[in-house]
Amino acid sequence: MDLARLRAETPGIDRVLHFNHAGSSLPPQPVLDTVLAHLQHEAVSGPIEAGQAAAPVLEEARADAAALIGATPAEIAFTGSATQGWGLAFAGLVSSDRALKAGDRILVARQEWAGNLTTMQRAAARTGAVIEVIPCDDTGRASPEALAAMIDDRVRLVSLTWIGANGGLINPAAEIGRVARAAGVPYFIDASQAIGQLPVDVAALGCDVLIAPGRKHLRGPRGTGLLYVRRDFLDRLDPPYHDARTAAWTPDGPRLQDGALRFEAGDFPMALRLGLGTAIRLARGLGIDAIRARLDGLAQGLRVRLAAVPGVTLHDRGIEQAALVSFAVEGVEPSALRRRLASEGITIAVNGVMYTPLDMTARGLGDICRAAVSYLHTEAELDRLAEAVARARR
């Protein structure tokens, strides 16, 4: 990686020491240029006309997004967020002819994102379905063996958050997928923390649906996301609403778009989606394997530094870990530490029960601090964060 070039084309790099890439990354200048150029085009040509002119570029972005995860362009829909994509797919599943009914079971990993979990819980409350948690192995990961023992003909969905928002644990997504696929059970993956930092191959994962945002490790604009729906699974979903783009009107009645486009409404922020396309091309140009290797080295280096600070407890588990370091500082409330570090130009996040309620409750944790590294970081910046945490502890 040409780190000097990558840092030079990131406007915020010298203004803030940003360790909240699991929330949203600092966007690079090429992404900003793409977004601003299209907005300027809208201002002088009209938004509809500018969008029509940029439509081929958007389809190139769709092809790049598909290549990023091993899919075909027809299996990709752009969304306004990962949550929106997950909600569309879940609503499509439960509103189909396979709608939930009393006694049906939804199986989730303990790290399930709270937004997904709430959506499932409300559907279960309406229908009499139940949500059950897949047991963890000794390292905290969702256990494929335990999942296999839970499968019966009442299981309607297996839902997995690949990397929880509250720590670096990476769940065995492909192994879970093999169990779900063998049982013929729909399998959804929330790849919000994985996209852009881990290699993603939907065929190897065995998933029917995968969602991801653009704003995290992809370094795309906020307000963008991807929804993948496996081609052979598409007709098992009934989208919850339509417009003239998702279902064209014909004399014989509405005709749904082929592929995942049936989930992609016609009115959307073209500038942001074009910016996401630029971000995806940049990530693919760097190589996800190279990004993963650098992130892993930096994250492990940060864990070593923080573990050496008296009073610091690390909360990451798992066999393989992501670029998200969770920790607590004895005697310092996480929100107070976040404010203290912000006063020194360092940003971290605070994660609590409201984001990953099942795992936090099971582990007896309240709020924790979260520092997510980027491939942009230097060893000196890791030192700076650890030293700032040590000062706050003293």
Protein backbone atom coordinates (compact mmCIF):
# COMPACT_ATOMS: atom_id res chain seq x y z
CA MET A 1 0.00 0.00 0.00
CA ASP A 2 1.14 3.50 -0.80
CA LEU A 3 0.22 4.75 2.67
CA ALA A 4 1.55 8.26 2.06
CA ARG A 5 -0.70 8.67 -0.99
CA LEU A 6 -3.73 7.21 0.74
CA ARG A 7 -3.30 9.55 3.69
CA ALA A 8 -2.68 12.54 1.45
CA GLU A 9 -5.97 11.99 -0.37
CA THR A 10 -7.93 11.82 2.91
CA PRO A 11 -8.81 15.41 3.90
CA GLY A 12 -9.56 14.63 7.55
CA ILE A 13 -6.40 12.69 8.28
CA ASP A 14 -4.48 15.64 9.75
CA ARG A 15 -7.44 17.14 11.59
CA VAL A 16 -8.58 14.22 13.73
CA LEU A 17 -7.14 10.92 14.91
CA HIS A 18 -10.12 8.82 13.93
CA PHE A 19 -10.67 5.44 15.61
CA ASN A 20 -14.36 5.11 14.79
CA HIS A 21 -14.13 3.34 11.44
CA ALA A 22 -16.62 0.74 12.69
CA GLY A 23 -19.09 3.62 12.86
CA SER A 24 -18.07 5.53 9.76
CA SER A 25 -14.72 6.06 8.08
CA LEU A 26 -13.10 9.25 6.85
CA PRO A 27 -13.97 9.44 3.13
CA PRO A 28 -11.17 9.85 0.58
CA GLN A 29 -11.01 12.78 -1.80
CA PRO A 30 -11.94 10.71 -4.90
CA VAL A 31 -15.23 9.77 -3.24
CA LEU A 32 -15.90 13.39 -2.31
CA ASP A 33 -15.04 14.50 -5.85
CA THR A 34 -17.51 12.02 -7.32
CA VAL A 35 -20.34 13.13 -5.02
CA LEU A 36 -19.70 16.86 -5.48
CA ALA A 37 -19.30 16.59 -9.25
CA HIS A 38 -22.67 14.91 -9.61
CA LEU A 39 -24.38 17.44 -7.34
CA GLN A 40 -22.92 20.19 -9.51
CA HIS A 41 -24.22 18.39 -12.59
CA GLU A 42 -27.68 18.26 -11.01
CA ALA A 43 -27.51 21.98 -10.29
CA VAL A 44 -26.89 22.93 -13.92
CA SER A 45 -28.75 20.16 -15.78
CA GLY A 46 -31.50 19.10 -13.42
CA PRO A 47 -31.43 16.09 -11.08
CA ILE A 48 -33.46 13.80 -13.35
CA GLU A 49 -31.39 14.62 -16.42
CA ALA A 50 -28.10 14.31 -14.54
CA GLY A 51 -29.26 10.96 -13.21
CA GLN A 52 -30.12 9.71 -16.67
CA ALA A 53 -26.67 10.71 -17.91
CA ALA A 54 -24.98 8.95 -14.99
CA ALA A 55 -27.07 5.75 -15.22
CA PRO A 56 -24.33 3.78 -17.05
CA VAL A 57 -21.81 4.75 -14.36
CA LEU A 58 -24.20 3.53 -11.68
CA GLU A 59 -24.45 0.18 -13.43
CA GLU A 60 -20.65 0.00 -13.46
CA ALA A 61 -20.81 0.55 -9.70
CA ARG A 62 -23.32 -2.30 -9.43
CA ALA A 63 -20.95 -4.57 -11.33
CA ASP A 64 -18.09 -3.55 -9.02
CA ALA A 65 -20.23 -4.21 -5.95
CA ALA A 66 -21.13 -7.65 -7.30
CA ALA A 67 -17.48 -8.46 -8.00
CA LEU A 68 -16.55 -7.36 -4.47
CA ILE A 69 -18.69 -10.11 -2.94
CA GLY A 70 -18.65 -12.76 -5.66
CA ALA A 71 -22.19 -12.09 -6.90
CA THR A 72 -23.72 -11.13 -10.23
CA PRO A 73 -24.96 -7.57 -10.90
CA ALA A 74 -28.55 -8.83 -11.08
CA GLU A 75 -28.26 -9.97 -7.46
CA ILE A 76 -27.33 -6.49 -6.15
CA ALA A 77 -29.65 -3.69 -5.06
CA PHE A 78 -28.38 -0.37 -3.73
CA THR A 79 -30.12 0.80 -0.56
CA GLY A 80 -30.03 3.77 1.77
CA SER A 81 -28.42 1.75 4.57
CA ALA A 82 -27.65 -1.77 5.68
CA THR A 83 -30.65 -1.66 8.01
CA GLN A 84 -32.95 -0.71 5.15
CA GLY A 85 -31.66 -3.61 3.07
CA TRP A 86 -32.09 -6.10 5.89
CA GLY A 87 -35.58 -4.80 6.64
CA LEU A 88 -36.64 -5.06 2.99
CA ALA A 89 -35.44 -8.64 2.73
CA PHE A 90 -37.00 -9.71 6.03
CA ALA A 91 -40.32 -8.04 5.21
CA GLY A 92 -40.23 -9.76 1.84
CA LEU A 93 -39.68 -13.12 3.51
CA VAL A 94 -42.44 -12.88 6.11
CA SER A 95 -44.97 -11.32 3.72
CA SER A 96 -44.60 -14.12 1.19
CA ASP A 97 -46.64 -17.32 1.07
CA ARG A 98 -44.19 -18.61 3.67
CA ALA A 99 -45.26 -15.99 6.21
CA LEU A 100 -44.53 -16.55 9.88
CA LYS A 101 -47.08 -18.36 11.98
CA ALA A 102 -47.40 -19.50 15.58
CA GLY A 103 -44.71 -21.95 16.56
CA ASP A 104 -42.30 -20.99 13.79
CA ARG A 105 -38.69 -20.44 14.90
CA ILE A 106 -36.09 -17.82 13.99
CA LEU A 107 -32.53 -18.67 15.03
CA VAL A 108 -30.07 -15.84 15.66
CA ALA A 109 -26.47 -15.53 16.79
CA ARG A 110 -25.79 -13.86 20.11
CA GLN A 111 -24.10 -10.89 18.41
CA GLU A 112 -27.24 -9.95 16.45
CA TRP A 113 -27.55 -6.24 15.71
CA ALA A 114 -30.34 -4.70 17.78
CA GLY A 115 -32.16 -3.18 14.82
CA ASN A 116 -32.48 -6.56 13.11
CA LEU A 117 -33.43 -8.18 16.39
CA THR A 118 -36.18 -5.64 17.09
CA THR A 119 -37.64 -6.16 13.61
CA MET A 120 -37.72 -9.92 14.18
CA GLN A 121 -39.14 -9.59 17.68
CA ARG A 122 -42.05 -7.43 16.51
CA ALA A 123 -42.86 -9.88 13.73
CA ALA A 124 -42.69 -12.76 16.20
CA ALA A 125 -44.99 -10.94 18.64
CA ARG A 126 -47.58 -10.45 15.90
CA THR A 127 -47.52 -14.02 14.67
CA GLY A 128 -46.66 -16.21 17.65
CA ALA A 129 -43.28 -17.17 16.20
CA VAL A 130 -40.31 -17.46 18.58
CA ILE A 131 -36.72 -16.24 18.44
CA GLU A 132 -34.02 -18.53 19.79
CA VAL A 133 -30.30 -17.87 20.29
CA ILE A 134 -27.68 -20.19 18.81
CA PRO A 135 -25.33 -21.25 21.63
CA CYS A 136 -21.73 -20.08 21.52
CA ASP A 137 -18.59 -22.18 21.60
CA ASP A 138 -15.88 -21.66 24.22
CA THR A 139 -14.48 -18.68 22.28
CA GLY A 140 -17.80 -16.85 22.07
CA ARG A 141 -18.57 -17.64 18.43
CA ALA A 142 -21.92 -18.95 17.23
CA SER A 143 -21.54 -22.73 17.15
CA PRO A 144 -22.34 -24.49 13.85
CA GLU A 145 -22.67 -27.79 15.74
CA ALA A 146 -25.19 -26.28 18.15
CA LEU A 147 -27.11 -24.81 15.23
CA ALA A 148 -27.30 -28.19 13.50
CA ALA A 149 -28.83 -29.69 16.64
CA MET A 150 -31.51 -26.95 16.70
CA ILE A 151 -32.75 -27.41 13.13
CA ASP A 152 -36.22 -28.82 12.59
CA ASP A 153 -39.08 -28.23 10.16
CA ARG A 154 -40.30 -25.18 12.14
CA VAL A 155 -37.14 -23.11 11.53
CA ARG A 156 -37.94 -20.32 9.08
CA LEU A 157 -34.73 -18.25 9.20
CA VAL A 158 -31.13 -18.30 10.42
CA SER A 159 -29.80 -14.77 10.93
CA LEU A 160 -26.13 -14.04 11.61
CA THR A 161 -24.34 -10.79 12.36
CA TRP A 162 -20.91 -11.73 11.04
CA ILE A 163 -18.94 -9.31 13.24
CA GLY A 164 -20.71 -7.85 16.25
CA ALA A 165 -20.70 -4.11 16.82
CA ASN A 166 -19.39 -4.62 20.36
CA GLY A 167 -16.07 -6.35 19.70
CA GLY A 168 -13.62 -7.95 17.33
CA LEU A 169 -15.11 -11.47 17.35
CA ILE A 170 -15.65 -12.91 13.86
CA ASN A 171 -18.40 -15.51 13.62
CA PRO A 172 -17.87 -18.64 11.43
CA ALA A 173 -20.23 -17.42 8.72
CA ALA A 174 -19.37 -20.05 6.10
CA GLU A 175 -19.73 -22.93 8.57
CA ILE A 176 -23.11 -21.59 9.70
CA GLY A 177 -24.06 -21.30 6.04
CA ARG A 178 -23.29 -24.95 5.36
CA VAL A 179 -25.69 -25.99 8.12
CA ALA A 180 -28.46 -23.68 6.90
CA ARG A 181 -28.02 -24.67 3.26
CA ALA A 182 -28.07 -28.40 4.06
CA ALA A 183 -31.34 -27.89 5.93
CA GLY A 184 -32.86 -25.69 3.21
CA VAL A 185 -33.39 -22.84 5.71
CA PRO A 186 -33.10 -19.21 4.55
CA TYR A 187 -29.85 -17.64 5.75
CA PHE A 188 -29.33 -13.89 6.19
CA ILE A 189 -25.92 -12.34 6.92
CA ASP A 190 -25.43 -8.85 8.31
CA ALA A 191 -21.96 -8.00 6.98
CA SER A 192 -21.96 -4.41 8.22
CA GLN A 193 -18.61 -4.69 10.01
CA ALA A 194 -17.14 -7.20 7.55
CA ILE A 195 -17.54 -5.47 4.20
CA GLY A 196 -14.37 -3.70 3.17
CA GLN A 197 -12.17 -5.44 5.73
CA LEU A 198 -12.77 -9.15 5.14
CA PRO A 199 -12.89 -11.04 1.84
CA VAL A 200 -16.55 -11.78 1.05
CA ASP A 201 -17.67 -14.61 -1.24
CA VAL A 202 -21.40 -15.16 -1.07
CA ALA A 203 -21.13 -18.59 -2.70
CA ALA A 204 -18.66 -19.77 -0.07
CA LEU A 205 -20.78 -18.22 2.68
CA GLY A 206 -23.88 -20.03 1.44
CA CYS A 207 -26.14 -17.08 2.26
CA ASP A 208 -29.42 -16.18 0.60
CA VAL A 209 -29.30 -12.52 1.66
CA LEU A 210 -26.36 -10.32 2.66
CA ILE A 211 -26.47 -6.66 3.60
CA ALA A 212 -23.76 -4.07 4.19
CA PRO A 213 -23.38 -0.28 4.49
CA GLY A 214 -21.04 1.90 2.48
CA ARG A 215 -19.84 4.16 5.27
CA LYS A 216 -17.65 1.83 7.33
CA HIS A 217 -14.51 0.13 6.02
CA LEU A 218 -15.49 0.74 2.39
CA ARG A 219 -15.10 4.48 3.16
CA GLY A 220 -18.15 5.36 1.09
CA PRO A 221 -20.77 8.04 1.80
CA ARG A 222 -23.19 7.78 4.66
CA GLY A 223 -26.69 6.92 3.45
CA THR A 224 -25.59 4.10 1.15
CA GLY A 225 -25.83 0.33 1.40
CA LEU A 226 -25.88 -2.95 -0.49
CA LEU A 227 -28.48 -5.70 -0.54
CA TYR A 228 -27.52 -9.04 -2.08
CA VAL A 229 -30.26 -11.57 -2.82
CA ARG A 230 -29.27 -14.93 -4.27
CA ARG A 231 -30.87 -15.34 -7.69
CA ASP A 232 -32.51 -18.68 -6.92
CA PHE A 233 -33.92 -17.28 -3.67
CA LEU A 234 -35.40 -14.11 -5.15
CA ASP A 235 -38.89 -15.45 -5.80
CA ARG A 236 -39.23 -16.52 -2.17
CA LEU A 237 -39.33 -12.83 -1.23
CA ASP A 238 -42.31 -10.54 -1.80
CA PRO A 239 -41.07 -6.93 -1.56
CA PRO A 240 -43.21 -4.94 0.90
CA TYR A 241 -43.84 -2.04 -1.51
CA HIS A 242 -43.24 -1.00 -5.11
CA ASP A 243 -42.97 1.98 -7.38
CA ALA A 244 -42.81 2.39 -11.16
CA ARG A 245 -39.16 1.32 -11.14
CA THR A 246 -39.45 -1.83 -9.05
CA ALA A 247 -42.59 -3.07 -10.82
CA ALA A 248 -43.43 -1.75 -14.28
CA TRP A 249 -47.11 -1.41 -15.10
CA THR A 250 -48.36 -3.44 -18.07
CA PRO A 251 -51.84 -4.08 -19.51
CA ASP A 252 -51.69 -7.46 -17.78
CA GLY A 253 -50.78 -5.93 -14.43
CA PRO A 254 -47.51 -5.02 -12.72
CA ARG A 255 -44.36 -6.87 -13.76
CA LEU A 256 -41.61 -7.08 -11.16
CA GLN A 257 -38.11 -6.13 -12.14
CA ASP A 258 -35.82 -9.02 -12.83
CA GLY A 259 -33.28 -9.59 -10.09
CA ALA A 260 -32.68 -7.59 -6.95
CA LEU A 261 -33.73 -4.36 -8.70
CA ARG A 262 -37.25 -5.14 -7.49
CA PHE A 263 -36.01 -3.89 -4.09
CA GLU A 264 -34.48 -0.67 -5.45
CA ALA A 265 -36.88 2.28 -5.54
CA GLY A 266 -36.62 4.83 -8.32
CA ASP A 267 -36.06 7.93 -6.19
CA PHE A 268 -32.65 7.86 -4.51
CA PRO A 269 -29.56 10.04 -3.97
CA MET A 270 -27.63 9.35 -7.18
CA ALA A 271 -24.61 11.36 -6.01
CA LEU A 272 -24.16 9.19 -2.93
CA ARG A 273 -24.48 5.94 -4.86
CA LEU A 274 -21.95 7.11 -7.43
CA GLY A 275 -19.66 7.96 -4.50
CA LEU A 276 -20.15 4.45 -3.16
CA GLY A 277 -19.15 3.08 -6.55
CA THR A 278 -15.91 5.06 -6.38
CA ALA A 279 -15.25 3.78 -2.85
CA ILE A 280 -15.78 0.18 -3.95
CA ARG A 281 -13.41 0.58 -6.89
CA LEU A 282 -10.76 2.05 -4.58
CA ALA A 283 -11.12 -0.88 -2.16
CA ARG A 284 -10.91 -3.43 -4.95
CA GLY A 285 -7.87 -1.64 -6.34
CA LEU A 286 -6.09 -1.93 -3.00
CA GLY A 287 -7.15 -5.56 -2.66
CA ILE A 288 -9.29 -6.81 0.21
CA ASP A 289 -6.68 -9.41 1.16
CA ALA A 290 -4.08 -6.66 1.53
CA ILE A 291 -6.52 -4.52 3.51
CA ARG A 292 -7.34 -7.44 5.81
CA ALA A 293 -3.67 -8.19 6.46
CA ARG A 294 -2.87 -4.59 7.34
CA LEU A 295 -5.95 -4.16 9.52
CA ASP A 296 -5.21 -7.36 11.42
CA GLY A 297 -1.66 -6.25 12.19
CA LEU A 298 -2.78 -2.81 13.35
CA ALA A 299 -5.66 -4.13 15.47
CA GLN A 300 -3.50 -6.72 17.19
CA GLY A 301 -0.88 -4.05 17.79
CA LEU A 302 -3.47 -1.83 19.42
CA ARG A 303 -4.68 -4.69 21.62
CA VAL A 304 -1.13 -5.26 22.84
CA ARG A 305 -0.67 -1.56 23.61
CA LEU A 306 -3.96 -1.21 25.46
CA ALA A 307 -3.47 -4.43 27.43
CA ALA A 308 -0.22 -2.95 28.73
CA VAL A 309 -2.03 0.06 30.23
CA PRO A 310 -2.80 -0.51 33.94
CA GLY A 311 -6.54 -0.73 34.57
CA VAL A 312 -7.49 -1.52 30.97
CA THR A 313 -9.52 -4.67 30.25
CA LEU A 314 -9.97 -5.94 26.70
CA HIS A 315 -13.37 -7.40 25.82
CA ASP A 316 -12.65 -8.98 22.43
CA ARG A 317 -13.22 -12.72 22.03
CA GLY A 318 -13.09 -15.26 19.21
CA ILE A 319 -10.45 -17.25 17.37
CA GLU A 320 -10.09 -14.77 14.52
CA GLN A 321 -10.58 -11.10 15.29
CA ALA A 322 -11.54 -8.03 13.31
CA ALA A 323 -10.24 -4.47 13.28
CA LEU A 324 -12.53 -3.49 16.13
CA VAL A 325 -10.99 -3.33 19.61
CA SER A 326 -13.33 -3.20 22.61
CA PHE A 327 -12.10 -2.31 26.07
CA ALA A 328 -12.92 -0.73 29.41
CA VAL A 329 -10.83 1.50 31.69
CA GLU A 330 -11.12 0.98 35.42
CA GLY A 331 -12.56 4.03 37.15
CA VAL A 332 -13.39 5.87 33.92
CA GLU A 333 -16.87 5.80 32.41
CA PRO A 334 -16.75 5.02 28.66
CA SER A 335 -18.65 8.19 27.73
CA ALA A 336 -16.26 10.25 29.89
CA LEU A 337 -13.28 8.68 28.17
CA ARG A 338 -14.78 9.41 24.78
CA ARG A 339 -15.21 13.08 25.73
CA ARG A 340 -11.69 13.25 27.18
CA LEU A 341 -10.13 11.80 24.05
CA ALA A 342 -12.24 14.05 21.82
CA SER A 343 -10.76 17.06 23.61
CA GLU A 344 -7.37 15.78 22.45
CA GLY A 345 -8.51 15.32 18.85
CA ILE A 346 -9.02 11.54 19.12
CA THR A 347 -12.35 9.88 18.30
CA ILE A 348 -13.51 6.54 19.63
CA ALA A 349 -17.01 5.11 20.05
CA VAL A 350 -19.02 3.82 22.98
CA ASN A 351 -21.06 0.67 22.50
CA GLY A 352 -23.79 -0.47 24.86
CA VAL A 353 -26.58 -2.95 25.45
CA MET A 354 -28.85 -1.07 23.07
CA TYR A 355 -26.69 -2.11 20.09
CA THR A 356 -25.94 -5.78 20.81
CA PRO A 357 -28.34 -6.65 23.65
CA LEU A 358 -28.08 -10.44 23.60
CA ASP A 359 -24.30 -10.62 23.80
CA MET A 360 -23.83 -7.71 26.19
CA THR A 361 -26.43 -9.12 28.57
CA ALA A 362 -25.02 -12.64 28.40
CA ARG A 363 -21.54 -11.33 29.20
CA GLY A 364 -22.72 -8.98 31.96
CA LEU A 365 -21.39 -5.92 30.17
CA GLY A 366 -22.72 -2.38 30.14
CA ASP A 367 -21.14 0.35 28.04
CA ILE A 368 -17.71 -0.37 26.60
CA CYS A 369 -15.19 1.67 24.60
CA ARG A 370 -14.62 0.78 20.97
CA ALA A 371 -11.60 1.72 18.86
CA ALA A 372 -11.76 0.61 15.22
CA VAL A 373 -8.60 0.94 13.18
CA SER A 374 -8.20 1.75 9.49
CA TYR A 375 -5.48 0.77 7.06
CA LEU A 376 -4.63 4.49 7.11
CA HIS A 377 -3.30 4.36 10.66
CA THR A 378 0.37 4.38 11.61
CA GLU A 379 2.15 2.73 14.52
CA ALA A 380 2.74 6.19 15.99
CA GLU A 381 -1.00 6.84 16.01
CA LEU A 382 -1.61 3.59 17.89
CA ASP A 383 0.94 4.80 20.45
CA ARG A 384 -0.85 8.12 20.71
CA LEU A 385 -4.19 6.50 21.48
CA ALA A 386 -2.71 4.14 24.08
CA GLU A 387 -0.85 7.01 25.75
CA ALA A 388 -4.04 9.11 25.85
CA VAL A 389 -5.93 6.23 27.48
CA ALA A 390 -3.15 5.86 30.04
CA ARG A 391 -3.32 9.56 30.91
CA ALA A 392 -7.07 9.33 31.37
CA ARG A 393 -6.60 6.33 33.67
CA ARG A 394 -4.12 8.23 35.83
